[in-house]
Amino acid sequence: MNTATRDGLGVGVAVGLSGAAFGAAAVTAGLDVAQSCVLSLLAFTGASQFALVGAVSGGGDLLAASAGALLLGGRNTLYGLRLADLLKVRGGRRLVAAQGVIDETTAVALAQPTPETARRAFTVTFASLYLMWNLTTLIGALGTSALGDPGVLGLDAVGPATFLAILWPRLVSEPGLRGLALGGAAVALLATPFVPAGVPVLLSAVVVLLVVLR
């Protein structure tokens, strides 16, 4: 097995397992099993999905939660611009490839020494992660749904905890990103007493985006 394939499978399987936590968090937030699975199939961006169900579980408006998730997922557009020149995907395959432009596929592809191995790494990471993420979302949603009230077992904390676990490595290694995260958290905390649930997350995402684009 070549390095690109091994890297792609390793990341895809390891990260894909956290889909179970998303399935549990989504059901805890009030989504049913089908809605949880459709969200993973169509959105396929873990941080945004956790942000959405986290806002909804806190009593936030679905529109505000969705807007916050979209803003958080906006970074994938920047990834796409970088990968377009590297992968050089043509025709209808661009639509399929666009679905796979996320943190993990970008990181594995950019770590490869040649465009050919980058394309292989991207494809393997995307395919394995998409399969594992959606399969484990189903497992997590079904399991949590069968338990009755997830809050009794403390499963309502799974979503926020997993979201933090996804972000933690980058927060530790990138001081600039850590500052942005702390600033966004401060905005959300300050806004919480004054605006409806879900809106603080949206406000913090807007502030962070404005700082990044400045």
C-alpha atoms as a PDB file:
ATOM      1  CA  MET A   1       0.000   0.000   0.000  1.00  0.00           C
ATOM      2  CA  ASN A   2       1.452   3.374  -1.004  1.00  0.00           C
ATOM      3  CA  THR A   3       1.845   6.266   1.428  1.00  0.00           C
ATOM      4  CA  ALA A   4      -0.971   8.390  -0.003  1.00  0.00           C
ATOM      5  CA  THR A   5      -3.478   5.550   0.307  1.00  0.00           C
ATOM      6  CA  ARG A   6      -2.303   4.645   3.799  1.00  0.00           C
ATOM      7  CA  ASP A   7      -2.534   8.244   4.987  1.00  0.00           C
ATOM      8  CA  GLY A   8      -5.971   8.671   3.468  1.00  0.00           C
ATOM      9  CA  LEU A   9      -7.368   5.488   4.993  1.00  0.00           C
ATOM     10  CA  GLY A  10      -5.844   6.241   8.379  1.00  0.00           C
ATOM     11  CA  VAL A  11      -7.385   9.687   8.587  1.00  0.00           C
ATOM     12  CA  GLY A  12     -10.679   8.621   7.025  1.00  0.00           C
ATOM     13  CA  VAL A  13     -11.304   5.737   9.396  1.00  0.00           C
ATOM     14  CA  ALA A  14     -10.032   7.484  12.544  1.00  0.00           C
ATOM     15  CA  VAL A  15     -11.952  10.728  12.038  1.00  0.00           C
ATOM     16  CA  GLY A  16     -14.982   8.954  10.602  1.00  0.00           C
ATOM     17  CA  LEU A  17     -15.574   7.175  13.902  1.00  0.00           C
ATOM     18  CA  SER A  18     -16.560  10.490  15.495  1.00  0.00           C
ATOM     19  CA  GLY A  19     -19.698  10.417  13.364  1.00  0.00           C
ATOM     20  CA  ALA A  20     -21.206   8.293  16.147  1.00  0.00           C
ATOM     21  CA  ALA A  21     -20.853  11.258  18.501  1.00  0.00           C
ATOM     22  CA  PHE A  22     -22.568  13.481  15.952  1.00  0.00           C
ATOM     23  CA  GLY A  23     -25.440  11.020  15.549  1.00  0.00           C
ATOM     24  CA  ALA A  24     -25.875  10.967  19.322  1.00  0.00           C
ATOM     25  CA  ALA A  25     -25.676  14.762  19.577  1.00  0.00           C
ATOM     26  CA  ALA A  26     -28.160  15.265  16.737  1.00  0.00           C
ATOM     27  CA  VAL A  27     -30.784  12.993  18.303  1.00  0.00           C
ATOM     28  CA  THR A  28     -30.191  14.632  21.690  1.00  0.00           C
ATOM     29  CA  ALA A  29     -30.834  18.013  20.041  1.00  0.00           C
ATOM     30  CA  GLY A  30     -34.225  16.816  18.807  1.00  0.00           C
ATOM     31  CA  LEU A  31     -33.521  15.531  15.298  1.00  0.00           C
ATOM     32  CA  ASP A  32     -34.778  12.089  14.386  1.00  0.00           C
ATOM     33  CA  VAL A  33     -32.580   9.357  12.930  1.00  0.00           C
ATOM     34  CA  ALA A  34     -33.450  10.175   9.309  1.00  0.00           C
ATOM     35  CA  GLN A  35     -32.786  13.899   9.746  1.00  0.00           C
ATOM     36  CA  SER A  36     -29.448  13.183  11.422  1.00  0.00           C
ATOM     37  CA  CYS A  37     -28.360  10.944   8.558  1.00  0.00           C
ATOM     38  CA  VAL A  38     -29.504  13.351   5.836  1.00  0.00           C
ATOM     39  CA  LEU A  39     -27.552  16.152   7.503  1.00  0.00           C
ATOM     40  CA  SER A  40     -24.380  14.054   7.421  1.00  0.00           C
ATOM     41  CA  LEU A  41     -24.982  12.947   3.836  1.00  0.00           C
ATOM     42  CA  LEU A  42     -25.533  16.465   2.511  1.00  0.00           C
ATOM     43  CA  ALA A  43     -23.473  18.710   4.784  1.00  0.00           C
ATOM     44  CA  PHE A  44     -20.489  16.442   5.504  1.00  0.00           C
ATOM     45  CA  THR A  45     -18.487  18.926   7.519  1.00  0.00           C
ATOM     46  CA  GLY A  46     -18.166  17.908  11.138  1.00  0.00           C
ATOM     47  CA  ALA A  47     -17.492  21.227  12.851  1.00  0.00           C
ATOM     48  CA  SER A  48     -20.450  22.916  11.140  1.00  0.00           C
ATOM     49  CA  GLN A  49     -22.742  19.982  11.888  1.00  0.00           C
ATOM     50  CA  PHE A  50     -21.808  19.993  15.572  1.00  0.00           C
ATOM     51  CA  ALA A  51     -22.241  23.779  15.691  1.00  0.00           C
ATOM     52  CA  LEU A  52     -25.724  23.497  14.199  1.00  0.00           C
ATOM     53  CA  VAL A  53     -27.020  20.794  16.536  1.00  0.00           C
ATOM     54  CA  GLY A  54     -25.323  22.498  19.484  1.00  0.00           C
ATOM     55  CA  ALA A  55     -27.198  25.727  18.795  1.00  0.00           C
ATOM     56  CA  VAL A  56     -30.478  23.870  18.281  1.00  0.00           C
ATOM     57  CA  SER A  57     -30.063  21.856  21.482  1.00  0.00           C
ATOM     58  CA  GLY A  58     -29.543  25.127  23.346  1.00  0.00           C
ATOM     59  CA  GLY A  59     -32.956  26.290  22.184  1.00  0.00           C
ATOM     60  CA  GLY A  60     -31.697  28.362  19.288  1.00  0.00           C
ATOM     61  CA  ASP A  61     -33.646  29.220  16.184  1.00  0.00           C
ATOM     62  CA  LEU A  62     -32.987  26.825  13.294  1.00  0.00           C
ATOM     63  CA  LEU A  63     -32.335  29.693  10.871  1.00  0.00           C
ATOM     64  CA  ALA A  64     -29.739  31.290  13.143  1.00  0.00           C
ATOM     65  CA  ALA A  65     -28.138  27.903  13.816  1.00  0.00           C
ATOM     66  CA  SER A  66     -27.946  27.171  10.086  1.00  0.00           C
ATOM     67  CA  ALA A  67     -26.452  30.578   9.344  1.00  0.00           C
ATOM     68  CA  GLY A  68     -23.767  30.031  11.967  1.00  0.00           C
ATOM     69  CA  ALA A  69     -22.969  26.608  10.540  1.00  0.00           C
ATOM     70  CA  LEU A  70     -22.700  28.069   7.031  1.00  0.00           C
ATOM     71  CA  LEU A  71     -20.313  30.766   8.199  1.00  0.00           C
ATOM     72  CA  LEU A  72     -18.178  28.183   9.960  1.00  0.00           C
ATOM     73  CA  GLY A  73     -18.151  26.052   6.813  1.00  0.00           C
ATOM     74  CA  GLY A  74     -17.072  28.995   4.687  1.00  0.00           C
ATOM     75  CA  ARG A  75     -13.449  28.008   5.205  1.00  0.00           C
ATOM     76  CA  ASN A  76     -14.057  25.064   2.874  1.00  0.00           C
ATOM     77  CA  THR A  77     -14.440  27.546   0.019  1.00  0.00           C
ATOM     78  CA  LEU A  78     -10.902  28.765   0.668  1.00  0.00           C
ATOM     79  CA  TYR A  79      -9.701  25.160   0.730  1.00  0.00           C
ATOM     80  CA  GLY A  80     -11.398  24.606  -2.620  1.00  0.00           C
ATOM     81  CA  LEU A  81      -9.545  27.502  -4.207  1.00  0.00           C
ATOM     82  CA  ARG A  82      -6.241  26.046  -3.037  1.00  0.00           C
ATOM     83  CA  LEU A  83      -7.038  22.486  -4.103  1.00  0.00           C
ATOM     84  CA  ALA A  84      -8.409  23.427  -7.524  1.00  0.00           C
ATOM     85  CA  ASP A  85      -4.933  24.161  -8.880  1.00  0.00           C
ATOM     86  CA  LEU A  86      -3.428  21.104  -7.235  1.00  0.00           C
ATOM     87  CA  LEU A  87      -6.012  18.440  -8.074  1.00  0.00           C
ATOM     88  CA  LYS A  88      -7.142  19.819 -11.453  1.00  0.00           C
ATOM     89  CA  VAL A  89     -10.454  17.951 -11.403  1.00  0.00           C
ATOM     90  CA  ARG A  90     -12.439  18.502 -14.591  1.00  0.00           C
ATOM     91  CA  GLY A  91     -16.051  18.214 -15.735  1.00  0.00           C
ATOM     92  CA  GLY A  92     -18.833  16.787 -13.636  1.00  0.00           C
ATOM     93  CA  ARG A  93     -16.346  15.268 -11.223  1.00  0.00           C
ATOM     94  CA  ARG A  94     -15.793  18.743  -9.806  1.00  0.00           C
ATOM     95  CA  LEU A  95     -19.253  18.599  -8.207  1.00  0.00           C
ATOM     96  CA  VAL A  96     -18.409  15.335  -6.475  1.00  0.00           C
ATOM     97  CA  ALA A  97     -14.971  16.564  -5.435  1.00  0.00           C
ATOM     98  CA  ALA A  98     -16.456  19.768  -4.009  1.00  0.00           C
ATOM     99  CA  GLN A  99     -18.465  17.718  -1.518  1.00  0.00           C
ATOM    100  CA  GLY A 100     -15.212  16.294  -0.192  1.00  0.00           C
ATOM    101  CA  VAL A 101     -13.353  19.566   0.384  1.00  0.00           C
ATOM    102  CA  ILE A 102     -13.021  19.629   4.177  1.00  0.00           C
ATOM    103  CA  ASP A 103     -10.239  20.014   6.752  1.00  0.00           C
ATOM    104  CA  GLU A 104      -9.054  16.411   6.655  1.00  0.00           C
ATOM    105  CA  THR A 105      -9.005  15.871   2.889  1.00  0.00           C
ATOM    106  CA  THR A 106      -7.240  19.195   2.376  1.00  0.00           C
ATOM    107  CA  ALA A 107      -4.589  18.451   4.991  1.00  0.00           C
ATOM    108  CA  VAL A 108      -3.802  14.989   3.622  1.00  0.00           C
ATOM    109  CA  ALA A 109      -3.738  16.167  -0.001  1.00  0.00           C
ATOM    110  CA  LEU A 110      -1.477  19.145   0.679  1.00  0.00           C
ATOM    111  CA  ALA A 111       0.959  16.938   2.580  1.00  0.00           C
ATOM    112  CA  GLN A 112       1.723  14.875  -0.546  1.00  0.00           C
ATOM    113  CA  PRO A 113       4.868  15.469  -2.627  1.00  0.00           C
ATOM    114  CA  THR A 114       3.288  15.402  -6.108  1.00  0.00           C
ATOM    115  CA  PRO A 115      -0.059  16.313  -7.707  1.00  0.00           C
ATOM    116  CA  GLU A 116      -0.648  12.657  -8.591  1.00  0.00           C
ATOM    117  CA  THR A 117      -0.255  11.446  -5.019  1.00  0.00           C
ATOM    118  CA  ALA A 118      -2.268  14.443  -3.807  1.00  0.00           C
ATOM    119  CA  ARG A 119      -5.195  13.383  -6.010  1.00  0.00           C
ATOM    120  CA  ARG A 120      -4.963   9.822  -4.730  1.00  0.00           C
ATOM    121  CA  ALA A 121      -4.751  10.960  -1.117  1.00  0.00           C
ATOM    122  CA  PHE A 122      -7.717  13.301  -1.529  1.00  0.00           C
ATOM    123  CA  THR A 123      -9.858  10.605  -3.147  1.00  0.00           C
ATOM    124  CA  VAL A 124      -9.039   7.922  -0.574  1.00  0.00           C
ATOM    125  CA  THR A 125      -9.517  10.279   2.375  1.00  0.00           C
ATOM    126  CA  PHE A 126     -12.819  11.566   0.999  1.00  0.00           C
ATOM    127  CA  ALA A 127     -14.218   8.124   0.183  1.00  0.00           C
ATOM    128  CA  SER A 128     -13.214   6.444   3.447  1.00  0.00           C
ATOM    129  CA  LEU A 129     -14.206   9.370   5.650  1.00  0.00           C
ATOM    130  CA  TYR A 130     -17.558   9.885   3.907  1.00  0.00           C
ATOM    131  CA  LEU A 131     -18.408   6.203   4.275  1.00  0.00           C
ATOM    132  CA  MET A 132     -17.319   5.979   7.921  1.00  0.00           C
ATOM    133  CA  TRP A 133     -18.861   9.305   8.945  1.00  0.00           C
ATOM    134  CA  ASN A 134     -22.270   8.429   7.554  1.00  0.00           C
ATOM    135  CA  LEU A 135     -22.210   4.842   8.811  1.00  0.00           C
ATOM    136  CA  THR A 136     -21.275   5.880  12.339  1.00  0.00           C
ATOM    137  CA  THR A 137     -23.793   8.750  12.268  1.00  0.00           C
ATOM    138  CA  LEU A 138     -26.485   6.134  11.673  1.00  0.00           C
ATOM    139  CA  ILE A 139     -25.135   3.917  14.460  1.00  0.00           C
ATOM    140  CA  GLY A 140     -24.916   6.815  16.923  1.00  0.00           C
ATOM    141  CA  ALA A 141     -28.371   8.120  16.056  1.00  0.00           C
ATOM    142  CA  LEU A 142     -30.007   4.687  16.286  1.00  0.00           C
ATOM    143  CA  GLY A 143     -28.276   3.881  19.560  1.00  0.00           C
ATOM    144  CA  THR A 144     -29.184   7.184  21.183  1.00  0.00           C
ATOM    145  CA  SER A 145     -32.752   7.030  19.899  1.00  0.00           C
ATOM    146  CA  ALA A 146     -33.188   3.614  21.495  1.00  0.00           C
ATOM    147  CA  LEU A 147     -32.111   4.949  24.914  1.00  0.00           C
ATOM    148  CA  GLY A 148     -35.110   7.199  25.367  1.00  0.00           C
ATOM    149  CA  ASP A 149     -33.995  10.428  27.074  1.00  0.00           C
ATOM    150  CA  PRO A 150     -30.286  10.915  26.229  1.00  0.00           C
ATOM    151  CA  GLY A 151     -29.960  13.700  28.775  1.00  0.00           C
ATOM    152  CA  VAL A 152     -30.436  11.237  31.624  1.00  0.00           C
ATOM    153  CA  LEU A 153     -27.169   9.518  30.651  1.00  0.00           C
ATOM    154  CA  GLY A 154     -25.324  12.767  30.062  1.00  0.00           C
ATOM    155  CA  LEU A 155     -25.194  12.271  26.288  1.00  0.00           C
ATOM    156  CA  ASP A 156     -26.220  15.895  25.787  1.00  0.00           C
ATOM    157  CA  ALA A 157     -22.569  16.724  26.538  1.00  0.00           C
ATOM    158  CA  VAL A 158     -21.260  14.528  23.709  1.00  0.00           C
ATOM    159  CA  GLY A 159     -21.693  17.139  20.970  1.00  0.00           C
ATOM    160  CA  PRO A 160     -19.855  20.033  22.650  1.00  0.00           C
ATOM    161  CA  ALA A 161     -17.116  17.708  23.915  1.00  0.00           C
ATOM    162  CA  THR A 162     -16.492  16.216  20.475  1.00  0.00           C
ATOM    163  CA  PHE A 163     -16.591  19.653  18.844  1.00  0.00           C
ATOM    164  CA  LEU A 164     -13.879  20.811  21.248  1.00  0.00           C
ATOM    165  CA  ALA A 165     -11.865  17.643  20.593  1.00  0.00           C
ATOM    166  CA  ILE A 166     -11.944  18.350  16.847  1.00  0.00           C
ATOM    167  CA  LEU A 167     -10.677  21.897  17.354  1.00  0.00           C
ATOM    168  CA  TRP A 168      -8.225  21.264  20.196  1.00  0.00           C
ATOM    169  CA  PRO A 169      -5.132  20.189  18.182  1.00  0.00           C
ATOM    170  CA  ARG A 170      -5.281  23.345  16.088  1.00  0.00           C
ATOM    171  CA  LEU A 171      -5.950  25.547  19.119  1.00  0.00           C
ATOM    172  CA  VAL A 172      -2.833  24.169  20.786  1.00  0.00           C
ATOM    173  CA  SER A 173      -0.564  24.469  17.750  1.00  0.00           C
ATOM    174  CA  GLU A 174      -1.739  27.823  16.328  1.00  0.00           C
ATOM    175  CA  PRO A 175      -1.613  30.830  18.722  1.00  0.00           C
ATOM    176  CA  GLY A 176      -3.424  33.051  16.223  1.00  0.00           C
ATOM    177  CA  LEU A 177      -6.298  30.617  15.937  1.00  0.00           C
ATOM    178  CA  ARG A 178      -6.405  30.298  19.719  1.00  0.00           C
ATOM    179  CA  GLY A 179      -6.830  34.054  20.004  1.00  0.00           C
ATOM    180  CA  LEU A 180      -9.663  34.005  17.476  1.00  0.00           C
ATOM    181  CA  ALA A 181     -11.389  31.191  19.350  1.00  0.00           C
ATOM    182  CA  LEU A 182     -11.136  33.020  22.671  1.00  0.00           C
ATOM    183  CA  GLY A 183     -12.434  36.207  21.075  1.00  0.00           C
ATOM    184  CA  GLY A 184     -15.360  34.371  19.499  1.00  0.00           C
ATOM    185  CA  ALA A 185     -16.178  32.694  22.808  1.00  0.00           C
ATOM    186  CA  ALA A 186     -16.088  36.057  24.588  1.00  0.00           C
ATOM    187  CA  VAL A 187     -18.512  37.573  22.070  1.00  0.00           C
ATOM    188  CA  ALA A 188     -20.893  34.626  22.483  1.00  0.00           C
ATOM    189  CA  LEU A 189     -20.772  34.789  26.293  1.00  0.00           C
ATOM    190  CA  LEU A 190     -21.333  38.550  26.382  1.00  0.00           C
ATOM    191  CA  ALA A 191     -24.266  38.309  23.966  1.00  0.00           C
ATOM    192  CA  THR A 192     -25.992  35.361  25.669  1.00  0.00           C
ATOM    193  CA  PRO A 193     -28.017  37.365  28.245  1.00  0.00           C
ATOM    194  CA  PHE A 194     -29.363  39.763  25.634  1.00  0.00           C
ATOM    195  CA  VAL A 195     -30.266  37.767  22.507  1.00  0.00           C
ATOM    196  CA  PRO A 196     -32.227  34.561  21.756  1.00  0.00           C
ATOM    197  CA  ALA A 197     -30.491  31.186  22.004  1.00  0.00           C
ATOM    198  CA  GLY A 198     -28.450  30.357  18.918  1.00  0.00           C
ATOM    199  CA  VAL A 199     -27.800  33.992  18.013  1.00  0.00           C
ATOM    200  CA  PRO A 200     -24.626  34.292  20.166  1.00  0.00           C
ATOM    201  CA  VAL A 201     -22.975  31.565  18.095  1.00  0.00           C
ATOM    202  CA  LEU A 202     -23.926  33.392  14.904  1.00  0.00           C
ATOM    203  CA  LEU A 203     -22.579  36.701  16.224  1.00  0.00           C
ATOM    204  CA  SER A 204     -19.278  35.147  17.263  1.00  0.00           C
ATOM    205  CA  ALA A 205     -18.918  33.488  13.849  1.00  0.00           C
ATOM    206  CA  VAL A 206     -19.530  36.830  12.106  1.00  0.00           C
ATOM    207  CA  VAL A 207     -16.934  38.591  14.262  1.00  0.00           C
ATOM    208  CA  VAL A 208     -14.325  35.896  13.635  1.00  0.00           C
ATOM    209  CA  LEU A 209     -15.033  35.968   9.891  1.00  0.00           C
ATOM    210  CA  LEU A 210     -14.614  39.756   9.780  1.00  0.00           C
ATOM    211  CA  VAL A 211     -11.272  39.480  11.580  1.00  0.00           C
ATOM    212  CA  VAL A 212     -10.050  36.762   9.206  1.00  0.00           C
ATOM    213  CA  LEU A 213     -11.066  38.735   6.099  1.00  0.00           C
ATOM    214  CA  ARG A 214      -9.644  42.023   7.386  1.00  0.00           C
END
